[in-house]
Amino acid sequence: MKIYVCYGTWLNTPGVTQVTGHKHVCGEAYESLVEAGHKPEAINSYGFGLLPEWMNRSKGRREVRKLTGQQWVPVLVTDDGTVISGSRKIIDWAAANPATDTP
């Protein structure tokens, strides 16, 4: 399982989180997977989704574009190849699909 994130999986952005109360969406999506018992590989994609493609040339952003046709993260690729875009959808998927221990 891979999750493409911007620059990392942190939750709090100094100054922003305190003012808005919102946590970082990449971190929220990643943490929801961990809390559900998954061990996702986080891939830093750098850049910024709003920028044009020619300014978002990192390997992670290129892979996200191939997978989804757009360059916004977070994007989850499950072990069976399912692609899920957006933090809310990833959080909902994690809640509905907790990891199971298999021998």
PDB file of N, CA and C in Angstrom:
ATOM      1  N   MET A   1       0.840  -1.173   0.000  1.00  0.00           N
ATOM      2  CA  MET A   1       0.000   0.000   0.000  1.00  0.00           C
ATOM      3  C   MET A   1       0.887   1.238   0.000  1.00  0.00           C
ATOM      4  N   LYS A   2       0.548   2.174  -0.879  1.00  0.00           N
ATOM      5  CA  LYS A   2       1.297   3.424  -0.964  1.00  0.00           C
ATOM      6  C   LYS A   2       0.344   4.593  -0.791  1.00  0.00           C
ATOM      7  N   ILE A   3       0.834   5.626  -0.121  1.00  0.00           N
ATOM      8  CA  ILE A   3       0.077   6.872  -0.055  1.00  0.00           C
ATOM      9  C   ILE A   3       1.005   7.995  -0.507  1.00  0.00           C
ATOM     10  N   TYR A   4       0.566   8.694  -1.532  1.00  0.00           N
ATOM     11  CA  TYR A   4       1.313   9.833  -2.048  1.00  0.00           C
ATOM     12  C   TYR A   4       0.885  11.061  -1.258  1.00  0.00           C
ATOM     13  N   VAL A   5       1.858  11.738  -0.673  1.00  0.00           N
ATOM     14  CA  VAL A   5       1.608  12.935   0.128  1.00  0.00           C
ATOM     15  C   VAL A   5       2.453  14.081  -0.413  1.00  0.00           C
ATOM     16  N   CYS A   6       2.213  15.276   0.061  1.00  0.00           N
ATOM     17  CA  CYS A   6       2.986  16.425  -0.441  1.00  0.00           C
ATOM     18  C   CYS A   6       4.419  16.346   0.074  1.00  0.00           C
ATOM     19  N   TYR A   7       4.668  16.919   1.241  1.00  0.00           N
ATOM     20  CA  TYR A   7       6.030  16.971   1.788  1.00  0.00           C
ATOM     21  C   TYR A   7       6.224  16.058   2.992  1.00  0.00           C
ATOM     22  N   GLY A   8       5.167  15.476   3.517  1.00  0.00           N
ATOM     23  CA  GLY A   8       5.298  14.625   4.683  1.00  0.00           C
ATOM     24  C   GLY A   8       3.956  14.241   5.263  1.00  0.00           C
ATOM     25  N   THR A   9       4.005  13.611   6.421  1.00  0.00           N
ATOM     26  CA  THR A   9       2.790  13.079   7.034  1.00  0.00           C
ATOM     27  C   THR A   9       2.471  13.743   8.368  1.00  0.00           C
ATOM     28  N   TRP A  10       2.988  14.951   8.588  1.00  0.00           N
ATOM     29  CA  TRP A  10       2.711  15.647   9.837  1.00  0.00           C
ATOM     30  C   TRP A  10       1.233  16.044   9.892  1.00  0.00           C
ATOM     31  N   LEU A  11       0.765  16.322  11.090  1.00  0.00           N
ATOM     32  CA  LEU A  11      -0.636  16.712  11.270  1.00  0.00           C
ATOM     33  C   LEU A  11      -0.797  18.215  11.479  1.00  0.00           C
ATOM     34  N   ASN A  12       0.110  18.801  12.231  1.00  0.00           N
ATOM     35  CA  ASN A  12      -0.043  20.211  12.585  1.00  0.00           C
ATOM     36  C   ASN A  12       0.887  21.101  11.780  1.00  0.00           C
ATOM     37  N   THR A  13       0.329  22.185  11.270  1.00  0.00           N
ATOM     38  CA  THR A  13       1.119  23.181  10.559  1.00  0.00           C
ATOM     39  C   THR A  13       1.197  24.400  11.460  1.00  0.00           C
ATOM     40  N   PRO A  14       2.360  24.717  12.010  1.00  0.00           N
ATOM     41  CA  PRO A  14       2.471  25.834  12.942  1.00  0.00           C
ATOM     42  C   PRO A  14       1.853  27.115  12.373  1.00  0.00           C
ATOM     43  N   GLY A  15       1.046  27.745  13.183  1.00  0.00           N
ATOM     44  CA  GLY A  15       0.388  28.979  12.780  1.00  0.00           C
ATOM     45  C   GLY A  15      -0.939  28.730  12.097  1.00  0.00           C
ATOM     46  N   VAL A  16      -0.998  27.755  11.210  1.00  0.00           N
ATOM     47  CA  VAL A  16      -2.234  27.477  10.473  1.00  0.00           C
ATOM     48  C   VAL A  16      -3.187  26.658  11.330  1.00  0.00           C
ATOM     49  N   THR A  17      -2.706  25.555  11.896  1.00  0.00           N
ATOM     50  CA  THR A  17      -3.563  24.676  12.684  1.00  0.00           C
ATOM     51  C   THR A  17      -4.144  25.421  13.879  1.00  0.00           C
ATOM     52  N   GLN A  18      -3.318  26.246  14.516  1.00  0.00           N
ATOM     53  CA  GLN A  18      -3.794  26.974  15.687  1.00  0.00           C
ATOM     54  C   GLN A  18      -4.891  27.980  15.319  1.00  0.00           C
ATOM     55  N   VAL A  19      -4.782  28.596  14.167  1.00  0.00           N
ATOM     56  CA  VAL A  19      -5.755  29.610  13.752  1.00  0.00           C
ATOM     57  C   VAL A  19      -7.005  28.971  13.175  1.00  0.00           C
ATOM     58  N   THR A  20      -6.851  27.985  12.293  1.00  0.00           N
ATOM     59  CA  THR A  20      -8.000  27.422  11.593  1.00  0.00           C
ATOM     60  C   THR A  20      -8.595  26.210  12.288  1.00  0.00           C
ATOM     61  N   GLY A  21      -7.789  25.522  13.093  1.00  0.00           N
ATOM     62  CA  GLY A  21      -8.252  24.295  13.716  1.00  0.00           C
ATOM     63  C   GLY A  21      -8.158  23.092  12.789  1.00  0.00           C
ATOM     64  N   HIS A  22      -7.740  23.311  11.542  1.00  0.00           N
ATOM     65  CA  HIS A  22      -7.636  22.225  10.567  1.00  0.00           C
ATOM     66  C   HIS A  22      -6.250  21.600  10.611  1.00  0.00           C
ATOM     67  N   LYS A  23      -6.237  20.294  10.525  1.00  0.00           N
ATOM     68  CA  LYS A  23      -4.976  19.567  10.458  1.00  0.00           C
ATOM     69  C   LYS A  23      -4.586  19.385   9.002  1.00  0.00           C
ATOM     70  N   HIS A  24      -3.346  19.035   8.779  1.00  0.00           N
ATOM     71  CA  HIS A  24      -2.835  18.831   7.428  1.00  0.00           C
ATOM     72  C   HIS A  24      -3.493  17.603   6.809  1.00  0.00           C
ATOM     73  N   VAL A  25      -4.044  17.740   5.612  1.00  0.00           N
ATOM     74  CA  VAL A  25      -4.836  16.665   5.010  1.00  0.00           C
ATOM     75  C   VAL A  25      -4.017  15.415   4.697  1.00  0.00           C
ATOM     76  N   CYS A  26      -2.772  15.581   4.279  1.00  0.00           N
ATOM     77  CA  CYS A  26      -1.934  14.404   3.999  1.00  0.00           C
ATOM     78  C   CYS A  26      -1.679  13.622   5.285  1.00  0.00           C
ATOM     79  N   GLY A  27      -1.393  14.346   6.361  1.00  0.00           N
ATOM     80  CA  GLY A  27      -1.166  13.705   7.647  1.00  0.00           C
ATOM     81  C   GLY A  27      -2.412  13.021   8.174  1.00  0.00           C
ATOM     82  N   GLU A  28      -3.561  13.656   8.010  1.00  0.00           N
ATOM     83  CA  GLU A  28      -4.815  13.042   8.461  1.00  0.00           C
ATOM     84  C   GLU A  28      -5.080  11.727   7.722  1.00  0.00           C
ATOM     85  N   ALA A  29      -4.890  11.739   6.402  1.00  0.00           N
ATOM     86  CA  ALA A  29      -5.117  10.527   5.616  1.00  0.00           C
ATOM     87  C   ALA A  29      -4.148   9.426   6.039  1.00  0.00           C
ATOM     88  N   TYR A  30      -2.870   9.777   6.179  1.00  0.00           N
ATOM     89  CA  TYR A  30      -1.857   8.804   6.589  1.00  0.00           C
ATOM     90  C   TYR A  30      -2.186   8.232   7.973  1.00  0.00           C
ATOM     91  N   GLU A  31      -2.489   9.098   8.921  1.00  0.00           N
ATOM     92  CA  GLU A  31      -2.787   8.647  10.289  1.00  0.00           C
ATOM     93  C   GLU A  31      -4.015   7.756  10.332  1.00  0.00           C
ATOM     94  N   SER A  32      -5.010   8.017   9.499  1.00  0.00           N
ATOM     95  CA  SER A  32      -6.205   7.170   9.490  1.00  0.00           C
ATOM     96  C   SER A  32      -5.855   5.749   9.067  1.00  0.00           C
ATOM     97  N   LEU A  33      -4.923   5.621   8.140  1.00  0.00           N
ATOM     98  CA  LEU A  33      -4.482   4.294   7.704  1.00  0.00           C
ATOM     99  C   LEU A  33      -3.724   3.581   8.812  1.00  0.00           C
ATOM    100  N   VAL A  34      -2.831   4.297   9.479  1.00  0.00           N
ATOM    101  CA  VAL A  34      -2.056   3.716  10.580  1.00  0.00           C
ATOM    102  C   VAL A  34      -2.986   3.293  11.716  1.00  0.00           C
ATOM    103  N   GLU A  35      -3.934   4.156  12.049  1.00  0.00           N
ATOM    104  CA  GLU A  35      -4.882   3.837  13.124  1.00  0.00           C
ATOM    105  C   GLU A  35      -5.739   2.626  12.778  1.00  0.00           C
ATOM    106  N   ALA A  36      -5.960   2.384  11.485  1.00  0.00           N
ATOM    107  CA  ALA A  36      -6.736   1.224  11.046  1.00  0.00           C
ATOM    108  C   ALA A  36      -5.855  -0.030  10.953  1.00  0.00           C
ATOM    109  N   GLY A  37      -4.580   0.098  11.332  1.00  0.00           N
ATOM    110  CA  GLY A  37      -3.684  -1.050  11.371  1.00  0.00           C
ATOM    111  C   GLY A  37      -2.881  -1.290  10.105  1.00  0.00           C
ATOM    112  N   HIS A  38      -2.948  -0.379   9.150  1.00  0.00           N
ATOM    113  CA  HIS A  38      -2.181  -0.520   7.913  1.00  0.00           C
ATOM    114  C   HIS A  38      -0.773   0.039   8.106  1.00  0.00           C
ATOM    115  N   LYS A  39       0.118  -0.363   7.230  1.00  0.00           N
ATOM    116  CA  LYS A  39       1.496   0.144   7.252  1.00  0.00           C
ATOM    117  C   LYS A  39       1.819   0.721   5.872  1.00  0.00           C
ATOM    118  N   PRO A  40       1.246   1.897   5.564  1.00  0.00           N
ATOM    119  CA  PRO A  40       1.435   2.446   4.220  1.00  0.00           C
ATOM    120  C   PRO A  40       2.847   2.977   4.001  1.00  0.00           C
ATOM    121  N   GLU A  41       3.306   2.855   2.773  1.00  0.00           N
ATOM    122  CA  GLU A  41       4.562   3.477   2.369  1.00  0.00           C
ATOM    123  C   GLU A  41       4.214   4.899   1.938  1.00  0.00           C
ATOM    124  N   ALA A  42       4.749   5.891   2.636  1.00  0.00           N
ATOM    125  CA  ALA A  42       4.482   7.290   2.296  1.00  0.00           C
ATOM    126  C   ALA A  42       5.489   7.745   1.247  1.00  0.00           C
ATOM    127  N   ILE A  43       4.964   8.287   0.167  1.00  0.00           N
ATOM    128  CA  ILE A  43       5.813   8.784  -0.916  1.00  0.00           C
ATOM    129  C   ILE A  43       5.648  10.296  -0.988  1.00  0.00           C
ATOM    130  N   ASN A  44       6.720  11.016  -0.660  1.00  0.00           N
ATOM    131  CA  ASN A  44       6.686  12.481  -0.730  1.00  0.00           C
ATOM    132  C   ASN A  44       6.670  12.905  -2.194  1.00  0.00           C
ATOM    133  N   SER A  45       5.690  13.714  -2.541  1.00  0.00           N
ATOM    134  CA  SER A  45       5.506  14.112  -3.937  1.00  0.00           C
ATOM    135  C   SER A  45       5.933  15.544  -4.199  1.00  0.00           C
ATOM    136  N   TYR A  46       6.184  16.295  -3.154  1.00  0.00           N
ATOM    137  CA  TYR A  46       6.654  17.680  -3.262  1.00  0.00           C
ATOM    138  C   TYR A  46       5.757  18.498  -4.184  1.00  0.00           C
ATOM    139  N   GLY A  47       6.128  19.726  -4.461  1.00  0.00           N
ATOM    140  CA  GLY A  47       5.318  20.580  -5.321  1.00  0.00           C
ATOM    141  C   GLY A  47       4.044  21.049  -4.637  1.00  0.00           C
ATOM    142  N   PHE A  48       3.089  21.487  -5.458  1.00  0.00           N
ATOM    143  CA  PHE A  48       1.801  21.991  -4.977  1.00  0.00           C
ATOM    144  C   PHE A  48       0.789  21.783  -6.088  1.00  0.00           C
ATOM    145  N   GLY A  49      -0.336  21.155  -5.780  1.00  0.00           N
ATOM    146  CA  GLY A  49      -1.328  20.780  -6.779  1.00  0.00           C
ATOM    147  C   GLY A  49      -1.839  21.913  -7.643  1.00  0.00           C
ATOM    148  N   LEU A  50      -1.863  23.117  -7.114  1.00  0.00           N
ATOM    149  CA  LEU A  50      -2.384  24.263  -7.852  1.00  0.00           C
ATOM    150  C   LEU A  50      -1.436  24.749  -8.946  1.00  0.00           C
ATOM    151  N   LEU A  51      -0.161  24.407  -8.828  1.00  0.00           N
ATOM    152  CA  LEU A  51       0.823  24.850  -9.812  1.00  0.00           C
ATOM    153  C   LEU A  51       0.651  24.086 -11.128  1.00  0.00           C
ATOM    154  N   PRO A  52       1.086  24.691 -12.238  1.00  0.00           N
ATOM    155  CA  PRO A  52       0.987  23.974 -13.516  1.00  0.00           C
ATOM    156  C   PRO A  52       1.891  22.740 -13.532  1.00  0.00           C
ATOM    157  N   GLU A  53       1.556  21.829 -14.426  1.00  0.00           N
ATOM    158  CA  GLU A  53       2.280  20.564 -14.517  1.00  0.00           C
ATOM    159  C   GLU A  53       3.781  20.756 -14.681  1.00  0.00           C
ATOM    160  N   TRP A  54       4.196  21.719 -15.491  1.00  0.00           N
ATOM    161  CA  TRP A  54       5.627  21.904 -15.743  1.00  0.00           C
ATOM    162  C   TRP A  54       6.386  22.328 -14.488  1.00  0.00           C
ATOM    163  N   MET A  55       5.663  22.816 -13.464  1.00  0.00           N
ATOM    164  CA  MET A  55       6.310  23.182 -12.204  1.00  0.00           C
ATOM    165  C   MET A  55       6.223  22.057 -11.167  1.00  0.00           C
ATOM    166  N   ASN A  56       5.445  21.023 -11.450  1.00  0.00           N
ATOM    167  CA  ASN A  56       5.281  19.868 -10.564  1.00  0.00           C
ATOM    168  C   ASN A  56       5.863  18.639 -11.246  1.00  0.00           C
ATOM    169  N   ARG A  57       7.175  18.558 -11.294  1.00  0.00           N
ATOM    170  CA  ARG A  57       7.834  17.506 -12.051  1.00  0.00           C
ATOM    171  C   ARG A  57       8.464  16.421 -11.181  1.00  0.00           C
ATOM    172  N   SER A  58       8.169  16.423  -9.890  1.00  0.00           N
ATOM    173  CA  SER A  58       8.745  15.386  -9.038  1.00  0.00           C
ATOM    174  C   SER A  58       8.199  14.020  -9.453  1.00  0.00           C
ATOM    175  N   LYS A  59       8.920  12.991  -9.108  1.00  0.00           N
ATOM    176  CA  LYS A  59       8.497  11.635  -9.450  1.00  0.00           C
ATOM    177  C   LYS A  59       7.114  11.335  -8.864  1.00  0.00           C
ATOM    178  N   GLY A  60       6.894  11.741  -7.617  1.00  0.00           N
ATOM    179  CA  GLY A  60       5.609  11.491  -6.980  1.00  0.00           C
ATOM    180  C   GLY A  60       4.451  12.154  -7.707  1.00  0.00           C
ATOM    181  N   ARG A  61       4.622  13.425  -8.096  1.00  0.00           N
ATOM    182  CA  ARG A  61       3.542  14.128  -8.820  1.00  0.00           C
ATOM    183  C   ARG A  61       3.310  13.504 -10.192  1.00  0.00           C
ATOM    184  N   ARG A  62       4.370  13.073 -10.856  1.00  0.00           N
ATOM    185  CA  ARG A  62       4.205  12.418 -12.161  1.00  0.00           C
ATOM    186  C   ARG A  62       3.433  11.111 -12.002  1.00  0.00           C
ATOM    187  N   GLU A  63       3.740  10.348 -10.951  1.00  0.00           N
ATOM    188  CA  GLU A  63       3.028   9.090 -10.715  1.00  0.00           C
ATOM    189  C   GLU A  63       1.563   9.358 -10.382  1.00  0.00           C
ATOM    190  N   VAL A  64       1.295  10.386  -9.586  1.00  0.00           N
ATOM    191  CA  VAL A  64      -0.084  10.741  -9.255  1.00  0.00           C
ATOM    192  C   VAL A  64      -0.856  11.108 -10.521  1.00  0.00           C
ATOM    193  N   ARG A  65      -0.234  11.876 -11.408  1.00  0.00           N
ATOM    194  CA  ARG A  65      -0.905  12.240 -12.671  1.00  0.00           C
ATOM    195  C   ARG A  65      -1.230  10.996 -13.499  1.00  0.00           C
ATOM    196  N   LYS A  66      -0.297  10.034 -13.549  1.00  0.00           N
ATOM    197  CA  LYS A  66      -0.545   8.797 -14.300  1.00  0.00           C
ATOM    198  C   LYS A  66      -1.701   8.006 -13.684  1.00  0.00           C
ATOM    199  N   LEU A  67      -1.768   8.002 -12.366  1.00  0.00           N
ATOM    200  CA  LEU A  67      -2.794   7.235 -11.667  1.00  0.00           C
ATOM    201  C   LEU A  67      -4.176   7.879 -11.726  1.00  0.00           C
ATOM    202  N   THR A  68      -4.204   9.223 -11.677  1.00  0.00           N
ATOM    203  CA  THR A  68      -5.486   9.913 -11.477  1.00  0.00           C
ATOM    204  C   THR A  68      -5.850  10.928 -12.557  1.00  0.00           C
ATOM    205  N   GLY A  69      -4.888  11.349 -13.357  1.00  0.00           N
ATOM    206  CA  GLY A  69      -5.153  12.389 -14.343  1.00  0.00           C
ATOM    207  C   GLY A  69      -5.094  13.796 -13.775  1.00  0.00           C
ATOM    208  N   GLN A  70      -4.756  13.909 -12.507  1.00  0.00           N
ATOM    209  CA  GLN A  70      -4.600  15.214 -11.849  1.00  0.00           C
ATOM    210  C   GLN A  70      -3.400  15.126 -10.923  1.00  0.00           C
ATOM    211  N   GLN A  71      -3.059  16.213 -10.237  1.00  0.00           N
ATOM    212  CA  GLN A  71      -1.814  16.184  -9.446  1.00  0.00           C
ATOM    213  C   GLN A  71      -1.998  16.525  -7.971  1.00  0.00           C
ATOM    214  N   TRP A  72      -3.236  16.481  -7.475  1.00  0.00           N
ATOM    215  CA  TRP A  72      -3.474  16.756  -6.060  1.00  0.00           C
ATOM    216  C   TRP A  72      -3.231  15.509  -5.225  1.00  0.00           C
ATOM    217  N   VAL A  73      -2.675  15.682  -4.049  1.00  0.00           N
ATOM    218  CA  VAL A  73      -2.462  14.599  -3.092  1.00  0.00           C
ATOM    219  C   VAL A  73      -3.235  14.945  -1.812  1.00  0.00           C
ATOM    220  N   PRO A  74      -3.548  13.994  -0.979  1.00  0.00           N
ATOM    221  CA  PRO A  74      -3.071  12.619  -0.942  1.00  0.00           C
ATOM    222  C   PRO A  74      -3.819  11.712  -1.918  1.00  0.00           C
ATOM    223  N   VAL A  75      -3.101  10.662  -2.326  1.00  0.00           N
ATOM    224  CA  VAL A  75      -3.648   9.605  -3.173  1.00  0.00           C
ATOM    225  C   VAL A  75      -3.175   8.286  -2.590  1.00  0.00           C
ATOM    226  N   LEU A  76      -4.109   7.376  -2.386  1.00  0.00           N
ATOM    227  CA  LEU A  76      -3.808   6.050  -1.858  1.00  0.00           C
ATOM    228  C   LEU A  76      -3.882   5.027  -2.982  1.00  0.00           C
ATOM    229  N   VAL A  77      -2.908   4.126  -3.012  1.00  0.00           N
ATOM    230  CA  VAL A  77      -2.962   2.965  -3.898  1.00  0.00           C
ATOM    231  C   VAL A  77      -2.929   1.744  -2.984  1.00  0.00           C
ATOM    232  N   THR A  78      -4.027   1.014  -2.944  1.00  0.00           N
ATOM    233  CA  THR A  78      -4.117  -0.146  -2.056  1.00  0.00           C
ATOM    234  C   THR A  78      -3.333  -1.314  -2.639  1.00  0.00           C
ATOM    235  N   ASP A  79      -3.182  -2.350  -1.843  1.00  0.00           N
ATOM    236  CA  ASP A  79      -2.424  -3.525  -2.283  1.00  0.00           C
ATOM    237  C   ASP A  79      -3.048  -4.194  -3.501  1.00  0.00           C
ATOM    238  N   ASP A  80      -4.365  -4.052  -3.682  1.00  0.00           N
ATOM    239  CA  ASP A  80      -5.002  -4.653  -4.858  1.00  0.00           C
ATOM    240  C   ASP A  80      -5.045  -3.708  -6.057  1.00  0.00           C
ATOM    241  N   GLY A  81      -4.393  -2.525  -5.924  1.00  0.00           N
ATOM    242  CA  GLY A  81      -4.300  -1.588  -7.035  1.00  0.00           C
ATOM    243  C   GLY A  81      -5.392  -0.549  -7.110  1.00  0.00           C
ATOM    244  N   THR A  82      -6.308  -0.553  -6.155  1.00  0.00           N
ATOM    245  CA  THR A  82      -7.362   0.455  -6.120  1.00  0.00           C
ATOM    246  C   THR A  82      -6.742   1.812  -5.823  1.00  0.00           C
ATOM    247  N   VAL A  83      -7.174   2.840  -6.553  1.00  0.00           N
ATOM    248  CA  VAL A  83      -6.663   4.198  -6.375  1.00  0.00           C
ATOM    249  C   VAL A  83      -7.761   5.048  -5.748  1.00  0.00           C
ATOM    250  N   ILE A  84      -7.419   5.704  -4.643  1.00  0.00           N
ATOM    251  CA  ILE A  84      -8.372   6.552  -3.925  1.00  0.00           C
ATOM    252  C   ILE A  84      -7.748   7.927  -3.756  1.00  0.00           C
ATOM    253  N   SER A  85      -8.437   8.952  -4.263  1.00  0.00           N
ATOM    254  CA  SER A  85      -7.923  10.323  -4.205  1.00  0.00           C
ATOM    255  C   SER A  85      -8.685  11.133  -3.171  1.00  0.00           C
ATOM    256  N   GLY A  86      -7.931  11.924  -2.409  1.00  0.00           N
ATOM    257  CA  GLY A  86      -8.548  12.843  -1.455  1.00  0.00           C
ATOM    258  C   GLY A  86      -8.541  12.314  -0.040  1.00  0.00           C
ATOM    259  N   SER A  87      -8.264  13.211   0.894  1.00  0.00           N
ATOM    260  CA  SER A  87      -8.127  12.788   2.286  1.00  0.00           C
ATOM    261  C   SER A  87      -9.422  12.215   2.851  1.00  0.00           C
ATOM    262  N   ARG A  88     -10.565  12.834   2.584  1.00  0.00           N
ATOM    263  CA  ARG A  88     -11.835  12.348   3.138  1.00  0.00           C
ATOM    264  C   ARG A  88     -12.129  10.942   2.639  1.00  0.00           C
ATOM    265  N   LYS A  89     -11.918  10.689   1.353  1.00  0.00           N
ATOM    266  CA  LYS A  89     -12.173   9.357   0.804  1.00  0.00           C
ATOM    267  C   LYS A  89     -11.201   8.331   1.378  1.00  0.00           C
ATOM    268  N   ILE A  90      -9.959   8.722   1.582  1.00  0.00           N
ATOM    269  CA  ILE A  90      -8.969   7.813   2.176  1.00  0.00           C
ATOM    270  C   ILE A  90      -9.334   7.511   3.621  1.00  0.00           C
ATOM    271  N   ILE A  91      -9.715   8.531   4.365  1.00  0.00           N
ATOM    272  CA  ILE A  91     -10.123   8.344   5.764  1.00  0.00           C
ATOM    273  C   ILE A  91     -11.329   7.412   5.840  1.00  0.00           C
ATOM    274  N   ASP A  92     -12.315   7.629   4.980  1.00  0.00           N
ATOM    275  CA  ASP A  92     -13.501   6.766   4.961  1.00  0.00           C
ATOM    276  C   ASP A  92     -13.126   5.330   4.589  1.00  0.00           C
ATOM    277  N   TRP A  93     -12.218   5.171   3.607  1.00  0.00           N
ATOM    278  CA  TRP A  93     -11.790   3.829   3.215  1.00  0.00           C
ATOM    279  C   TRP A  93     -11.105   3.135   4.389  1.00  0.00           C
ATOM    280  N   ALA A  94     -10.223   3.837   5.080  1.00  0.00           N
ATOM    281  CA  ALA A  94      -9.503   3.242   6.213  1.00  0.00           C
ATOM    282  C   ALA A  94     -10.465   2.794   7.297  1.00  0.00           C
ATOM    283  N   ALA A  95     -11.476   3.603   7.575  1.00  0.00           N
ATOM    284  CA  ALA A  95     -12.459   3.242   8.611  1.00  0.00           C
ATOM    285  C   ALA A  95     -13.246   1.999   8.205  1.00  0.00           C
ATOM    286  N   ALA A  96     -13.526   1.860   6.930  1.00  0.00           N
ATOM    287  CA  ALA A  96     -14.318   0.727   6.444  1.00  0.00           C
ATOM    288  C   ALA A  96     -13.474  -0.524   6.169  1.00  0.00           C
ATOM    289  N   ASN A  97     -12.149  -0.355   6.149  1.00  0.00           N
ATOM    290  CA  ASN A  97     -11.263  -1.472   5.784  1.00  0.00           C
ATOM    291  C   ASN A  97     -10.091  -1.610   6.749  1.00  0.00           C
ATOM    292  N   PRO A  98     -10.374  -1.926   8.010  1.00  0.00           N
ATOM    293  CA  PRO A  98      -9.246  -2.090   8.946  1.00  0.00           C
ATOM    294  C   PRO A  98      -8.378  -3.279   8.528  1.00  0.00           C
ATOM    295  N   ALA A  99      -7.110  -3.174   8.851  1.00  0.00           N
ATOM    296  CA  ALA A  99      -6.179  -4.260   8.541  1.00  0.00           C
ATOM    297  C   ALA A  99      -6.527  -5.474   9.365  1.00  0.00           C
ATOM    298  N   THR A 100      -6.328  -6.614   8.752  1.00  0.00           N
ATOM    299  CA  THR A 100      -6.557  -7.865   9.468  1.00  0.00           C
ATOM    300  C   THR A 100      -5.227  -8.591   9.572  1.00  0.00           C
ATOM    301  N   ASP A 101      -4.995  -9.195  10.713  1.00  0.00           N
ATOM    302  CA  ASP A 101      -3.761  -9.969  10.906  1.00  0.00           C
ATOM    303  C   ASP A 101      -3.941 -11.307  10.216  1.00  0.00           C
ATOM    304  N   THR A 102      -3.025 -11.612   9.317  1.00  0.00           N
ATOM    305  CA  THR A 102      -3.052 -12.918   8.657  1.00  0.00           C
ATOM    306  C   THR A 102      -1.746 -13.641   8.990  1.00  0.00           C
ATOM    307  N   PRO A 103      -1.859 -14.925   9.329  1.00  0.00           N
ATOM    308  CA  PRO A 103      -0.647 -15.682   9.697  1.00  0.00           C
ATOM    309  C   PRO A 103       0.283 -15.890   8.537  1.00  0.00           C
TER     310      PRO A 103
END
